[in-house]
Amino acid sequence: MTNTNTTDSTISGATEALAAWRHTLDTSEPLTDSQALRLNQASNAGDAQRDMIVFITAMPSLTEQDVTVWLTNPDATSPMGQRLLDGISGPGRPIPSSRIDQAVSQLDRIADAQPDQQAEPYALQASLYWLDGRYTAALERALTALQKDPDSRLGSLMRLCVVTGTASPWSTQA
């Protein structure tokens, strides 16, 4: 029972932090210091929470229920996992660069909220820049993430995508 409550509490906290993320992107209102700290913690808490920051950025139509479903069962083969992956790589997904710029700006605030935990926010910036086809900026942020934490898997993946010339799915769509 304790594990379930801890899991429910963790999911509830992450859902709340991600709701603040959605709000800042939808309204252009900056994150508060406490929201930035909570989002930094979420980005470092695990892949599911970290990746949801990208999904919310790229898929503004995701609901709080969608977020909860994913955080409860972050399985890429599940219906929600497939929906999220299709939402990033499917046709018609490019979002305005201004939304990515807003996300990147807020990710700087998130990184600043916890100076000893900056790798994942920088790796998230790299992934957003890569999706938007800004490969030089993506590489710069990936390298910054790896400088902060050489074991950052997302930072390593983004560096690899750029140096091998792997194009964003958005740049290869007709």
N, C-alpha and C. Protein backbone atom coordinates (compact mmCIF):
# COMPACT_ATOMS: atom_id res chain seq x y z
N MET A 1 0.82 -1.19 0.00
CA MET A 1 0.00 0.00 0.00
C MET A 1 0.87 1.26 0.00
N THR A 2 1.96 1.25 0.73
CA THR A 2 2.83 2.41 0.77
C THR A 2 3.39 2.70 -0.61
N ASN A 3 3.79 1.67 -1.34
CA ASN A 3 4.32 1.87 -2.68
C ASN A 3 3.28 2.50 -3.60
N THR A 4 2.04 2.06 -3.50
CA THR A 4 0.98 2.63 -4.33
C THR A 4 0.77 4.10 -4.01
N ASN A 5 0.72 4.43 -2.72
CA ASN A 5 0.55 5.83 -2.33
C ASN A 5 1.72 6.68 -2.81
N THR A 6 2.94 6.14 -2.69
CA THR A 6 4.11 6.87 -3.16
C THR A 6 4.02 7.07 -4.67
N THR A 7 3.63 6.03 -5.39
CA THR A 7 3.49 6.13 -6.82
C THR A 7 2.40 7.13 -7.18
N ASP A 8 1.25 7.05 -6.52
CA ASP A 8 0.17 7.99 -6.77
C ASP A 8 0.61 9.41 -6.48
N SER A 9 1.33 9.60 -5.38
CA SER A 9 1.83 10.92 -5.01
C SER A 9 2.84 11.43 -6.03
N THR A 10 3.72 10.55 -6.48
CA THR A 10 4.71 10.93 -7.48
C THR A 10 4.04 11.32 -8.79
N ILE A 11 3.07 10.53 -9.23
CA ILE A 11 2.35 10.82 -10.47
C ILE A 11 1.56 12.12 -10.32
N SER A 12 0.94 12.31 -9.18
CA SER A 12 0.18 13.54 -8.95
C SER A 12 1.10 14.76 -8.99
N GLY A 13 2.25 14.67 -8.35
CA GLY A 13 3.21 15.78 -8.37
C GLY A 13 3.73 16.06 -9.76
N ALA A 14 4.02 14.99 -10.50
CA ALA A 14 4.51 15.16 -11.88
C ALA A 14 3.41 15.74 -12.76
N THR A 15 2.20 15.28 -12.59
CA THR A 15 1.08 15.80 -13.38
C THR A 15 0.89 17.29 -13.11
N GLU A 16 1.00 17.68 -11.86
CA GLU A 16 0.87 19.09 -11.50
C GLU A 16 1.99 19.92 -12.13
N ALA A 17 3.22 19.42 -12.06
CA ALA A 17 4.36 20.13 -12.65
C ALA A 17 4.18 20.25 -14.16
N LEU A 18 3.72 19.17 -14.80
CA LEU A 18 3.52 19.19 -16.24
C LEU A 18 2.35 20.08 -16.65
N ALA A 19 1.36 20.23 -15.77
CA ALA A 19 0.27 21.18 -16.04
C ALA A 19 0.83 22.61 -16.04
N ALA A 20 1.77 22.88 -15.16
CA ALA A 20 2.42 24.20 -15.15
C ALA A 20 3.22 24.41 -16.43
N TRP A 21 3.84 23.34 -16.91
CA TRP A 21 4.59 23.40 -18.18
C TRP A 21 3.65 23.77 -19.33
N ARG A 22 2.53 23.06 -19.41
CA ARG A 22 1.55 23.35 -20.46
C ARG A 22 1.08 24.79 -20.36
N HIS A 23 0.79 25.24 -19.14
CA HIS A 23 0.28 26.60 -18.94
C HIS A 23 1.29 27.64 -19.43
N THR A 24 2.55 27.46 -19.11
CA THR A 24 3.55 28.45 -19.52
C THR A 24 3.70 28.49 -21.04
N LEU A 25 3.56 27.34 -21.68
CA LEU A 25 3.65 27.32 -23.15
C LEU A 25 2.41 27.93 -23.81
N ASP A 26 1.26 27.67 -23.23
CA ASP A 26 0.01 28.15 -23.81
C ASP A 26 -0.23 29.64 -23.57
N THR A 27 0.33 30.18 -22.50
CA THR A 27 0.06 31.57 -22.14
C THR A 27 1.27 32.48 -22.28
N SER A 28 2.45 31.91 -22.42
CA SER A 28 3.72 32.65 -22.42
C SER A 28 4.02 33.29 -21.07
N GLU A 29 3.30 32.89 -20.03
CA GLU A 29 3.63 33.35 -18.68
C GLU A 29 4.83 32.55 -18.20
N PRO A 30 5.83 33.22 -17.64
CA PRO A 30 7.00 32.48 -17.17
C PRO A 30 6.68 31.58 -15.99
N LEU A 31 7.45 30.54 -15.86
CA LEU A 31 7.32 29.65 -14.71
C LEU A 31 7.74 30.40 -13.45
N THR A 32 7.10 30.07 -12.35
CA THR A 32 7.56 30.59 -11.07
C THR A 32 8.81 29.79 -10.67
N ASP A 33 9.53 30.29 -9.68
CA ASP A 33 10.72 29.58 -9.22
C ASP A 33 10.36 28.18 -8.72
N SER A 34 9.26 28.05 -7.99
CA SER A 34 8.88 26.74 -7.46
C SER A 34 8.44 25.80 -8.59
N GLN A 35 7.77 26.32 -9.61
CA GLN A 35 7.39 25.48 -10.75
C GLN A 35 8.64 25.02 -11.51
N ALA A 36 9.59 25.93 -11.69
CA ALA A 36 10.82 25.56 -12.39
C ALA A 36 11.56 24.47 -11.62
N LEU A 37 11.61 24.59 -10.31
CA LEU A 37 12.27 23.56 -9.49
C LEU A 37 11.55 22.23 -9.62
N ARG A 38 10.22 22.25 -9.55
CA ARG A 38 9.46 20.99 -9.66
C ARG A 38 9.62 20.36 -11.03
N LEU A 39 9.69 21.18 -12.07
CA LEU A 39 9.90 20.63 -13.42
C LEU A 39 11.32 20.10 -13.58
N ASN A 40 12.30 20.73 -12.92
CA ASN A 40 13.65 20.18 -12.95
C ASN A 40 13.66 18.80 -12.29
N GLN A 41 13.00 18.70 -11.16
CA GLN A 41 12.92 17.41 -10.47
C GLN A 41 12.21 16.38 -11.35
N ALA A 42 11.14 16.79 -12.02
CA ALA A 42 10.42 15.86 -12.90
C ALA A 42 11.30 15.42 -14.07
N SER A 43 12.06 16.35 -14.63
CA SER A 43 12.90 16.00 -15.78
C SER A 43 14.01 15.04 -15.39
N ASN A 44 14.37 15.04 -14.12
CA ASN A 44 15.41 14.15 -13.62
C ASN A 44 14.86 12.90 -12.95
N ALA A 45 13.54 12.80 -12.83
CA ALA A 45 12.93 11.68 -12.11
C ALA A 45 12.80 10.41 -12.94
N GLY A 46 12.89 10.54 -14.24
CA GLY A 46 12.77 9.37 -15.10
C GLY A 46 12.39 9.77 -16.51
N ASP A 47 12.59 8.84 -17.42
CA ASP A 47 12.35 9.11 -18.84
C ASP A 47 10.90 9.52 -19.12
N ALA A 48 9.95 8.88 -18.46
CA ALA A 48 8.53 9.15 -18.76
C ALA A 48 8.18 10.60 -18.47
N GLN A 49 8.62 11.11 -17.32
CA GLN A 49 8.33 12.49 -16.97
C GLN A 49 9.11 13.45 -17.86
N ARG A 50 10.38 13.15 -18.08
CA ARG A 50 11.21 14.00 -18.93
C ARG A 50 10.64 14.07 -20.34
N ASP A 51 10.31 12.93 -20.91
CA ASP A 51 9.81 12.89 -22.28
C ASP A 51 8.47 13.60 -22.43
N MET A 52 7.66 13.59 -21.38
CA MET A 52 6.36 14.25 -21.45
C MET A 52 6.52 15.75 -21.67
N ILE A 53 7.64 16.32 -21.23
CA ILE A 53 7.90 17.74 -21.49
C ILE A 53 7.96 17.99 -22.99
N VAL A 54 8.61 17.09 -23.72
CA VAL A 54 8.68 17.21 -25.18
C VAL A 54 7.30 16.96 -25.79
N PHE A 55 6.61 15.93 -25.33
CA PHE A 55 5.30 15.60 -25.91
C PHE A 55 4.32 16.76 -25.73
N ILE A 56 4.29 17.37 -24.55
CA ILE A 56 3.38 18.49 -24.32
C ILE A 56 3.76 19.67 -25.21
N THR A 57 5.04 19.88 -25.41
CA THR A 57 5.49 20.97 -26.27
C THR A 57 5.03 20.73 -27.70
N ALA A 58 5.19 19.51 -28.18
CA ALA A 58 4.88 19.19 -29.57
C ALA A 58 3.41 18.87 -29.82
N MET A 59 2.69 18.52 -28.77
CA MET A 59 1.30 18.10 -28.92
C MET A 59 0.42 18.87 -27.92
N PRO A 60 0.12 20.13 -28.20
CA PRO A 60 -0.66 20.93 -27.25
C PRO A 60 -2.02 20.34 -26.91
N SER A 61 -2.52 19.43 -27.73
CA SER A 61 -3.86 18.88 -27.48
C SER A 61 -3.87 17.77 -26.42
N LEU A 62 -2.70 17.36 -25.92
CA LEU A 62 -2.70 16.34 -24.87
C LEU A 62 -3.43 16.85 -23.65
N THR A 63 -4.21 15.97 -23.05
CA THR A 63 -4.98 16.35 -21.85
C THR A 63 -4.24 15.90 -20.60
N GLU A 64 -4.70 16.38 -19.46
CA GLU A 64 -4.13 15.94 -18.19
C GLU A 64 -4.32 14.44 -18.02
N GLN A 65 -5.45 13.93 -18.50
CA GLN A 65 -5.69 12.48 -18.43
C GLN A 65 -4.67 11.73 -19.27
N ASP A 66 -4.34 12.24 -20.46
CA ASP A 66 -3.31 11.61 -21.30
C ASP A 66 -1.99 11.54 -20.56
N VAL A 67 -1.64 12.63 -19.89
CA VAL A 67 -0.39 12.69 -19.14
C VAL A 67 -0.40 11.65 -18.04
N THR A 68 -1.49 11.56 -17.30
CA THR A 68 -1.59 10.59 -16.21
C THR A 68 -1.51 9.16 -16.73
N VAL A 69 -2.18 8.89 -17.84
CA VAL A 69 -2.14 7.53 -18.43
C VAL A 69 -0.70 7.17 -18.76
N TRP A 70 0.03 8.09 -19.38
CA TRP A 70 1.42 7.81 -19.76
C TRP A 70 2.31 7.63 -18.53
N LEU A 71 2.15 8.49 -17.55
CA LEU A 71 3.00 8.39 -16.35
C LEU A 71 2.71 7.13 -15.56
N THR A 72 1.46 6.66 -15.62
CA THR A 72 1.09 5.43 -14.93
C THR A 72 1.64 4.20 -15.64
N ASN A 73 1.68 4.25 -16.97
CA ASN A 73 2.15 3.11 -17.76
C ASN A 73 2.96 3.61 -18.97
N PRO A 74 4.22 4.00 -18.74
CA PRO A 74 5.03 4.55 -19.83
C PRO A 74 5.59 3.45 -20.74
N ASP A 75 4.70 2.80 -21.46
CA ASP A 75 5.06 1.71 -22.35
C ASP A 75 4.87 2.16 -23.79
N ALA A 76 5.97 2.21 -24.54
CA ALA A 76 5.91 2.69 -25.93
C ALA A 76 5.01 1.83 -26.81
N THR A 77 4.76 0.59 -26.41
CA THR A 77 3.91 -0.29 -27.21
C THR A 77 2.43 -0.18 -26.83
N SER A 78 2.13 0.55 -25.76
CA SER A 78 0.74 0.72 -25.34
C SER A 78 0.03 1.67 -26.31
N PRO A 79 -1.30 1.69 -26.29
CA PRO A 79 -2.01 2.64 -27.16
C PRO A 79 -1.56 4.09 -26.93
N MET A 80 -1.37 4.48 -25.67
CA MET A 80 -0.93 5.85 -25.40
C MET A 80 0.50 6.06 -25.91
N GLY A 81 1.35 5.07 -25.72
CA GLY A 81 2.72 5.17 -26.22
C GLY A 81 2.75 5.34 -27.72
N GLN A 82 1.93 4.57 -28.42
CA GLN A 82 1.85 4.69 -29.87
C GLN A 82 1.30 6.05 -30.28
N ARG A 83 0.31 6.53 -29.56
CA ARG A 83 -0.26 7.85 -29.86
C ARG A 83 0.79 8.94 -29.70
N LEU A 84 1.58 8.86 -28.64
CA LEU A 84 2.62 9.86 -28.41
C LEU A 84 3.70 9.80 -29.49
N LEU A 85 4.13 8.61 -29.82
CA LEU A 85 5.16 8.47 -30.85
C LEU A 85 4.65 8.93 -32.22
N ASP A 86 3.40 8.58 -32.53
CA ASP A 86 2.80 9.04 -33.79
C ASP A 86 2.65 10.56 -33.80
N GLY A 87 2.35 11.12 -32.63
CA GLY A 87 2.19 12.56 -32.53
C GLY A 87 3.47 13.33 -32.80
N ILE A 88 4.59 12.72 -32.47
CA ILE A 88 5.89 13.36 -32.73
C ILE A 88 6.32 13.14 -34.17
N SER A 89 6.09 11.94 -34.68
CA SER A 89 6.64 11.60 -35.99
C SER A 89 5.61 11.56 -37.12
N GLY A 90 4.33 11.70 -36.78
CA GLY A 90 3.30 11.61 -37.81
C GLY A 90 3.19 12.86 -38.66
N PRO A 91 2.46 12.76 -39.74
CA PRO A 91 2.30 13.92 -40.62
C PRO A 91 1.60 15.09 -39.93
N GLY A 92 1.98 16.27 -40.35
CA GLY A 92 1.34 17.47 -39.84
C GLY A 92 1.74 17.87 -38.44
N ARG A 93 2.84 17.36 -37.93
CA ARG A 93 3.20 17.62 -36.55
C ARG A 93 4.04 18.87 -36.32
N PRO A 94 4.67 19.45 -37.31
CA PRO A 94 5.48 20.62 -36.98
C PRO A 94 4.68 21.69 -36.25
N ILE A 95 5.28 22.19 -35.21
CA ILE A 95 4.66 23.24 -34.40
C ILE A 95 5.41 24.54 -34.66
N PRO A 96 4.82 25.65 -34.33
CA PRO A 96 5.52 26.91 -34.57
C PRO A 96 6.86 26.96 -33.83
N SER A 97 7.86 27.48 -34.51
CA SER A 97 9.17 27.63 -33.88
C SER A 97 9.07 28.51 -32.64
N SER A 98 8.10 29.41 -32.61
CA SER A 98 7.94 30.28 -31.44
C SER A 98 7.59 29.46 -30.19
N ARG A 99 6.85 28.35 -30.36
CA ARG A 99 6.53 27.49 -29.21
C ARG A 99 7.79 26.79 -28.72
N ILE A 100 8.64 26.38 -29.64
CA ILE A 100 9.90 25.76 -29.25
C ILE A 100 10.78 26.80 -28.56
N ASP A 101 10.84 28.01 -29.10
CA ASP A 101 11.63 29.06 -28.47
C ASP A 101 11.14 29.34 -27.05
N GLN A 102 9.83 29.36 -26.85
CA GLN A 102 9.27 29.56 -25.51
C GLN A 102 9.68 28.40 -24.60
N ALA A 103 9.60 27.18 -25.09
CA ALA A 103 9.98 26.02 -24.30
C ALA A 103 11.47 26.08 -23.93
N VAL A 104 12.31 26.40 -24.89
CA VAL A 104 13.74 26.48 -24.63
C VAL A 104 14.04 27.54 -23.58
N SER A 105 13.38 28.68 -23.68
CA SER A 105 13.58 29.74 -22.70
C SER A 105 13.20 29.27 -21.30
N GLN A 106 12.08 28.58 -21.19
CA GLN A 106 11.65 28.09 -19.89
C GLN A 106 12.54 26.94 -19.39
N LEU A 107 13.09 26.17 -20.31
CA LEU A 107 14.03 25.12 -19.91
C LEU A 107 15.31 25.72 -19.33
N ASP A 108 15.69 26.91 -19.78
CA ASP A 108 16.82 27.61 -19.14
C ASP A 108 16.47 27.92 -17.67
N ARG A 109 15.25 28.37 -17.43
CA ARG A 109 14.81 28.63 -16.04
C ARG A 109 14.80 27.35 -15.23
N ILE A 110 14.37 26.27 -15.86
CA ILE A 110 14.34 24.98 -15.17
C ILE A 110 15.75 24.52 -14.83
N ALA A 111 16.68 24.69 -15.76
CA ALA A 111 18.08 24.33 -15.49
C ALA A 111 18.66 25.18 -14.36
N ASP A 112 18.35 26.47 -14.38
CA ASP A 112 18.86 27.38 -13.35
C ASP A 112 18.29 27.08 -11.96
N ALA A 113 17.14 26.42 -11.91
CA ALA A 113 16.49 26.14 -10.64
C ALA A 113 17.30 25.17 -9.78
N GLN A 114 18.10 24.34 -10.41
CA GLN A 114 18.90 23.36 -9.69
C GLN A 114 20.23 23.20 -10.42
N PRO A 115 21.20 24.07 -10.12
CA PRO A 115 22.46 24.07 -10.88
C PRO A 115 23.20 22.73 -10.92
N ASP A 116 22.98 21.88 -9.95
CA ASP A 116 23.64 20.58 -9.97
C ASP A 116 22.86 19.52 -10.75
N GLN A 117 21.72 19.92 -11.34
CA GLN A 117 20.87 19.00 -12.10
C GLN A 117 20.45 19.64 -13.42
N GLN A 118 21.41 20.08 -14.22
CA GLN A 118 21.09 20.81 -15.44
C GLN A 118 21.11 19.97 -16.71
N ALA A 119 21.65 18.78 -16.66
CA ALA A 119 21.86 18.00 -17.88
C ALA A 119 20.54 17.71 -18.61
N GLU A 120 19.53 17.27 -17.90
CA GLU A 120 18.29 16.89 -18.59
C GLU A 120 17.57 18.08 -19.20
N PRO A 121 17.46 19.22 -18.52
CA PRO A 121 16.86 20.36 -19.22
C PRO A 121 17.62 20.75 -20.50
N TYR A 122 18.94 20.68 -20.47
CA TYR A 122 19.71 20.99 -21.68
C TYR A 122 19.51 19.92 -22.75
N ALA A 123 19.41 18.67 -22.34
CA ALA A 123 19.15 17.59 -23.30
C ALA A 123 17.75 17.74 -23.92
N LEU A 124 16.80 18.19 -23.12
CA LEU A 124 15.46 18.46 -23.65
C LEU A 124 15.50 19.59 -24.68
N GLN A 125 16.28 20.62 -24.41
CA GLN A 125 16.45 21.69 -25.38
C GLN A 125 17.02 21.12 -26.68
N ALA A 126 18.02 20.24 -26.55
CA ALA A 126 18.62 19.63 -27.73
C ALA A 126 17.57 18.87 -28.54
N SER A 127 16.71 18.13 -27.85
CA SER A 127 15.70 17.35 -28.57
C SER A 127 14.70 18.25 -29.28
N LEU A 128 14.31 19.34 -28.64
CA LEU A 128 13.37 20.27 -29.28
C LEU A 128 14.01 20.96 -30.48
N TYR A 129 15.25 21.38 -30.33
CA TYR A 129 15.96 21.98 -31.47
C TYR A 129 16.11 20.97 -32.60
N TRP A 130 16.43 19.73 -32.27
CA TRP A 130 16.58 18.69 -33.29
C TRP A 130 15.26 18.47 -34.02
N LEU A 131 14.16 18.35 -33.26
CA LEU A 131 12.86 18.17 -33.90
C LEU A 131 12.56 19.31 -34.86
N ASP A 132 12.95 20.54 -34.49
CA ASP A 132 12.68 21.72 -35.30
C ASP A 132 13.68 21.90 -36.44
N GLY A 133 14.63 20.98 -36.55
CA GLY A 133 15.61 21.05 -37.63
C GLY A 133 16.73 22.04 -37.39
N ARG A 134 16.89 22.50 -36.17
CA ARG A 134 17.98 23.42 -35.82
C ARG A 134 19.15 22.58 -35.26
N TYR A 135 19.84 21.94 -36.16
CA TYR A 135 20.82 20.93 -35.77
C TYR A 135 22.05 21.51 -35.07
N THR A 136 22.50 22.68 -35.46
CA THR A 136 23.65 23.27 -34.78
C THR A 136 23.31 23.58 -33.32
N ALA A 137 22.16 24.18 -33.10
CA ALA A 137 21.72 24.47 -31.73
C ALA A 137 21.50 23.16 -30.95
N ALA A 138 20.97 22.14 -31.62
CA ALA A 138 20.75 20.85 -30.97
C ALA A 138 22.07 20.25 -30.50
N LEU A 139 23.07 20.31 -31.36
CA LEU A 139 24.38 19.76 -30.99
C LEU A 139 24.97 20.54 -29.83
N GLU A 140 24.88 21.86 -29.89
CA GLU A 140 25.41 22.70 -28.81
C GLU A 140 24.78 22.33 -27.47
N ARG A 141 23.46 22.19 -27.44
CA ARG A 141 22.78 21.86 -26.19
C ARG A 141 23.06 20.42 -25.75
N ALA A 142 23.18 19.51 -26.70
CA ALA A 142 23.52 18.13 -26.34
C ALA A 142 24.90 18.07 -25.69
N LEU A 143 25.84 18.80 -26.28
CA LEU A 143 27.19 18.83 -25.70
C LEU A 143 27.20 19.48 -24.33
N THR A 144 26.40 20.51 -24.15
CA THR A 144 26.28 21.14 -22.83
C THR A 144 25.71 20.15 -21.82
N ALA A 145 24.69 19.39 -22.23
CA ALA A 145 24.10 18.38 -21.35
C ALA A 145 25.15 17.34 -20.97
N LEU A 146 25.94 16.91 -21.94
CA LEU A 146 26.96 15.89 -21.66
C LEU A 146 28.10 16.45 -20.82
N GLN A 147 28.37 17.73 -20.95
CA GLN A 147 29.37 18.36 -20.09
C GLN A 147 28.88 18.35 -18.64
N LYS A 148 27.59 18.60 -18.44
CA LYS A 148 27.00 18.61 -17.10
C LYS A 148 26.90 17.20 -16.53
N ASP A 149 26.60 16.23 -17.40
CA ASP A 149 26.48 14.83 -16.97
C ASP A 149 26.84 13.93 -18.15
N PRO A 150 28.06 13.40 -18.16
CA PRO A 150 28.49 12.55 -19.27
C PRO A 150 27.62 11.31 -19.48
N ASP A 151 26.81 10.96 -18.48
CA ASP A 151 25.95 9.78 -18.58
C ASP A 151 24.53 10.11 -19.04
N SER A 152 24.27 11.35 -19.46
CA SER A 152 22.93 11.72 -19.92
C SER A 152 22.60 10.95 -21.20
N ARG A 153 21.64 10.04 -21.09
CA ARG A 153 21.27 9.22 -22.25
C ARG A 153 20.63 10.06 -23.34
N LEU A 154 19.75 11.00 -22.96
CA LEU A 154 19.12 11.85 -23.95
C LEU A 154 20.15 12.77 -24.60
N GLY A 155 21.07 13.30 -23.81
CA GLY A 155 22.14 14.12 -24.37
C GLY A 155 22.98 13.34 -25.37
N SER A 156 23.30 12.10 -25.03
CA SER A 156 24.08 11.24 -25.93
C SER A 156 23.30 10.93 -27.20
N LEU A 157 22.02 10.64 -27.06
CA LEU A 157 21.18 10.34 -28.21
C LEU A 157 21.10 11.53 -29.15
N MET A 158 20.89 12.71 -28.59
CA MET A 158 20.77 13.91 -29.44
C MET A 158 22.10 14.23 -30.12
N ARG A 159 23.21 14.06 -29.42
CA ARG A 159 24.52 14.26 -30.04
C ARG A 159 24.69 13.29 -31.19
N LEU A 160 24.35 12.03 -30.96
CA LEU A 160 24.47 11.01 -32.00
C LEU A 160 23.57 11.32 -33.20
N CYS A 161 22.36 11.74 -32.95
CA CYS A 161 21.44 12.08 -34.06
C CYS A 161 22.04 13.17 -34.93
N VAL A 162 22.61 14.19 -34.30
CA VAL A 162 23.15 15.31 -35.08
C VAL A 162 24.42 14.91 -35.82
N VAL A 163 25.36 14.27 -35.12
CA VAL A 163 26.64 13.98 -35.77
C VAL A 163 26.52 12.91 -36.86
N THR A 164 25.49 12.06 -36.78
CA THR A 164 25.29 11.07 -37.83
C THR A 164 24.38 11.57 -38.95
N GLY A 165 23.89 12.79 -38.79
CA GLY A 165 23.04 13.37 -39.83
C GLY A 165 21.62 12.83 -39.85
N THR A 166 21.16 12.30 -38.73
CA THR A 166 19.80 11.80 -38.66
C THR A 166 18.84 12.99 -38.66
N ALA A 167 18.02 13.04 -39.68
CA ALA A 167 17.09 14.16 -39.82
C ALA A 167 15.90 14.00 -38.90
N SER A 168 15.42 15.10 -38.41
CA SER A 168 14.20 15.12 -37.62
C SER A 168 13.06 14.59 -38.49
N PRO A 169 12.11 13.86 -37.89
CA PRO A 169 10.96 13.41 -38.69
C PRO A 169 10.17 14.60 -39.26
N TRP A 170 10.24 15.74 -38.62
CA TRP A 170 9.52 16.92 -39.13
C TRP A 170 10.17 17.45 -40.38
N SER A 171 11.48 17.30 -40.52
CA SER A 171 12.15 17.85 -41.71
C SER A 171 12.05 16.92 -42.91
N THR A 172 11.62 15.68 -42.68
CA THR A 172 11.54 14.72 -43.78
C THR A 172 10.11 14.51 -44.29
N GLN A 173 9.17 15.25 -43.72
CA GLN A 173 7.77 15.09 -44.14
C GLN A 173 7.50 15.87 -45.40
N ALA A 174 6.61 15.33 -46.20
CA ALA A 174 6.24 16.00 -47.45
C ALA A 174 5.33 17.16 -47.18
